[in-house]
Amino acid sequence: IHFQPTLPRTGRYQVCIGFRPSRAQATNTPITIKHAAGTAQLALDQRTETTPFAFVPVGEFPFKAGNSGSVDLTNRGTDGRIVIDAVRWVWLGE
């Protein structure tokens, strides 16, 4: 699954993944975040509820204005289903 925003301004953003946890979902969902300083590889646990909110923060990264950044998720090598509703970029400042 590929998410590519058009960001209004350059700066630091918190990246949040939108989903509801479930026992059938993966504990090791691979996430690749392409940002202004490079690429981050993360794993997301979609079984355990870590926040009561629908969006789970996965990190803070620098992004340039426009659409050069992205978030990619895959089911390759996972131990369950992957369910992603949305990705949200929250601007934190410069």
C-alpha atoms as a PDB file:
ATOM      1  CA  ILE A   1       0.000   0.000   0.000  1.00  0.00           C
ATOM      2  CA  HIS A   2       1.463   3.355  -1.035  1.00  0.00           C
ATOM      3  CA  PHE A   3       0.578   6.720   0.520  1.00  0.00           C
ATOM      4  CA  GLN A   4       2.050   9.905  -0.985  1.00  0.00           C
ATOM      5  CA  PRO A   5       0.886  13.258   0.371  1.00  0.00           C
ATOM      6  CA  THR A   6       1.208  16.730  -1.070  1.00  0.00           C
ATOM      7  CA  LEU A   7       2.533  18.588   1.963  1.00  0.00           C
ATOM      8  CA  PRO A   8       1.928  22.365   2.183  1.00  0.00           C
ATOM      9  CA  ARG A   9       5.259  23.273   3.820  1.00  0.00           C
ATOM     10  CA  THR A  10       8.729  22.036   4.617  1.00  0.00           C
ATOM     11  CA  GLY A  11       9.381  20.965   8.193  1.00  0.00           C
ATOM     12  CA  ARG A  12       9.185  18.218  10.761  1.00  0.00           C
ATOM     13  CA  TYR A  13       6.099  15.979  10.639  1.00  0.00           C
ATOM     14  CA  GLN A  14       4.754  13.269  12.894  1.00  0.00           C
ATOM     15  CA  VAL A  15       3.657  10.288  10.795  1.00  0.00           C
ATOM     16  CA  CYS A  16       0.590   8.455  12.118  1.00  0.00           C
ATOM     17  CA  ILE A  17      -0.949   5.216  10.802  1.00  0.00           C
ATOM     18  CA  GLY A  18      -4.732   4.829  11.032  1.00  0.00           C
ATOM     19  CA  PHE A  19      -6.101   1.372  11.935  1.00  0.00           C
ATOM     20  CA  ARG A  20      -7.993  -0.538  14.641  1.00  0.00           C
ATOM     21  CA  PRO A  21      -6.055  -3.352  16.378  1.00  0.00           C
ATOM     22  CA  SER A  22      -7.232  -6.953  16.081  1.00  0.00           C
ATOM     23  CA  ARG A  23      -5.917 -10.375  17.147  1.00  0.00           C
ATOM     24  CA  ALA A  24      -5.840 -11.489  13.499  1.00  0.00           C
ATOM     25  CA  GLN A  25      -3.575  -8.620  12.431  1.00  0.00           C
ATOM     26  CA  ALA A  26       0.204  -8.657  12.126  1.00  0.00           C
ATOM     27  CA  THR A  27       2.638  -7.824  14.915  1.00  0.00           C
ATOM     28  CA  ASN A  28       5.362  -7.046  12.372  1.00  0.00           C
ATOM     29  CA  THR A  29       3.874  -4.885   9.600  1.00  0.00           C
ATOM     30  CA  PRO A  30       6.810  -3.496   7.565  1.00  0.00           C
ATOM     31  CA  ILE A  31       6.698   0.284   7.007  1.00  0.00           C
ATOM     32  CA  THR A  32       9.038   2.281   4.773  1.00  0.00           C
ATOM     33  CA  ILE A  33       8.985   6.052   5.237  1.00  0.00           C
ATOM     34  CA  LYS A  34      10.708   8.133   2.553  1.00  0.00           C
ATOM     35  CA  HIS A  35      11.505  11.593   3.964  1.00  0.00           C
ATOM     36  CA  ALA A  36      13.825  14.539   3.310  1.00  0.00           C
ATOM     37  CA  ALA A  37      16.773  13.013   5.217  1.00  0.00           C
ATOM     38  CA  GLY A  38      16.522   9.507   3.754  1.00  0.00           C
ATOM     39  CA  THR A  39      14.467   6.382   4.359  1.00  0.00           C
ATOM     40  CA  ALA A  40      13.275   4.801   7.620  1.00  0.00           C
ATOM     41  CA  GLN A  41      12.369   1.107   7.955  1.00  0.00           C
ATOM     42  CA  LEU A  42       9.987   0.313  10.833  1.00  0.00           C
ATOM     43  CA  ALA A  43       7.733  -2.516  12.040  1.00  0.00           C
ATOM     44  CA  LEU A  44       4.213  -1.846  13.347  1.00  0.00           C
ATOM     45  CA  ASP A  45       2.313  -4.048  15.804  1.00  0.00           C
ATOM     46  CA  GLN A  46      -1.323  -4.057  14.662  1.00  0.00           C
ATOM     47  CA  ARG A  47      -2.500  -6.527  17.327  1.00  0.00           C
ATOM     48  CA  THR A  48      -1.810  -4.579  20.496  1.00  0.00           C
ATOM     49  CA  GLU A  49      -3.701  -1.368  21.221  1.00  0.00           C
ATOM     50  CA  THR A  50      -1.129   1.277  22.122  1.00  0.00           C
ATOM     51  CA  THR A  51      -3.464   4.282  22.124  1.00  0.00           C
ATOM     52  CA  PRO A  52      -7.243   4.725  22.359  1.00  0.00           C
ATOM     53  CA  PHE A  53      -7.123   6.809  19.179  1.00  0.00           C
ATOM     54  CA  ALA A  54      -7.477   5.498  15.620  1.00  0.00           C
ATOM     55  CA  PHE A  55      -4.112   6.994  14.539  1.00  0.00           C
ATOM     56  CA  VAL A  56      -0.899   5.529  15.987  1.00  0.00           C
ATOM     57  CA  PRO A  57       2.228   7.729  15.790  1.00  0.00           C
ATOM     58  CA  VAL A  58       5.214   5.864  14.337  1.00  0.00           C
ATOM     59  CA  GLY A  59       7.812   8.647  14.339  1.00  0.00           C
ATOM     60  CA  GLU A  60       8.833  12.203  13.509  1.00  0.00           C
ATOM     61  CA  PHE A  61      10.650  12.956  10.256  1.00  0.00           C
ATOM     62  CA  PRO A  62      11.679  15.947   8.113  1.00  0.00           C
ATOM     63  CA  PHE A  63       9.729  16.384   4.870  1.00  0.00           C
ATOM     64  CA  LYS A  64       9.973  18.900   2.023  1.00  0.00           C
ATOM     65  CA  ALA A  65       6.908  20.741   0.753  1.00  0.00           C
ATOM     66  CA  GLY A  66       5.274  18.964  -2.169  1.00  0.00           C
ATOM     67  CA  ASN A  67       4.950  15.252  -2.865  1.00  0.00           C
ATOM     68  CA  SER A  68       8.500  13.853  -2.563  1.00  0.00           C
ATOM     69  CA  GLY A  69       7.789  11.915   0.669  1.00  0.00           C
ATOM     70  CA  SER A  70       5.811   8.707   1.073  1.00  0.00           C
ATOM     71  CA  VAL A  71       4.818   5.826   3.339  1.00  0.00           C
ATOM     72  CA  ASP A  72       4.742   2.259   2.031  1.00  0.00           C
ATOM     73  CA  LEU A  73       3.358  -0.784   3.850  1.00  0.00           C
ATOM     74  CA  THR A  74       3.549  -4.400   2.760  1.00  0.00           C
ATOM     75  CA  ASN A  75       2.415  -7.809   3.999  1.00  0.00           C
ATOM     76  CA  ARG A  76       5.722  -9.456   3.046  1.00  0.00           C
ATOM     77  CA  GLY A  77       6.876 -11.727   5.897  1.00  0.00           C
ATOM     78  CA  THR A  78       4.099 -10.751   8.292  1.00  0.00           C
ATOM     79  CA  ASP A  79       2.469 -12.977  10.898  1.00  0.00           C
ATOM     80  CA  GLY A  80      -1.117 -11.805  10.272  1.00  0.00           C
ATOM     81  CA  ARG A  81      -3.403  -9.552   8.249  1.00  0.00           C
ATOM     82  CA  ILE A  82      -2.606  -5.920   7.468  1.00  0.00           C
ATOM     83  CA  VAL A  83      -5.382  -3.370   7.766  1.00  0.00           C
ATOM     84  CA  ILE A  84      -4.549   0.294   7.104  1.00  0.00           C
ATOM     85  CA  ASP A  85      -7.246   2.942   6.849  1.00  0.00           C
ATOM     86  CA  ALA A  86      -5.106   6.043   6.347  1.00  0.00           C
ATOM     87  CA  VAL A  87      -1.792   7.777   6.991  1.00  0.00           C
ATOM     88  CA  ARG A  88      -1.684  11.226   8.573  1.00  0.00           C
ATOM     89  CA  TRP A  89       1.180  13.736   8.518  1.00  0.00           C
ATOM     90  CA  VAL A  90       1.000  16.229  11.418  1.00  0.00           C
ATOM     91  CA  TRP A  91       3.182  19.325  10.943  1.00  0.00           C
ATOM     92  CA  LEU A  92       5.280  20.003  14.069  1.00  0.00           C
ATOM     93  CA  GLY A  93       7.278  23.014  12.915  1.00  0.00           C
ATOM     94  CA  GLU A  94      10.480  23.829  11.108  1.00  0.00           C
END
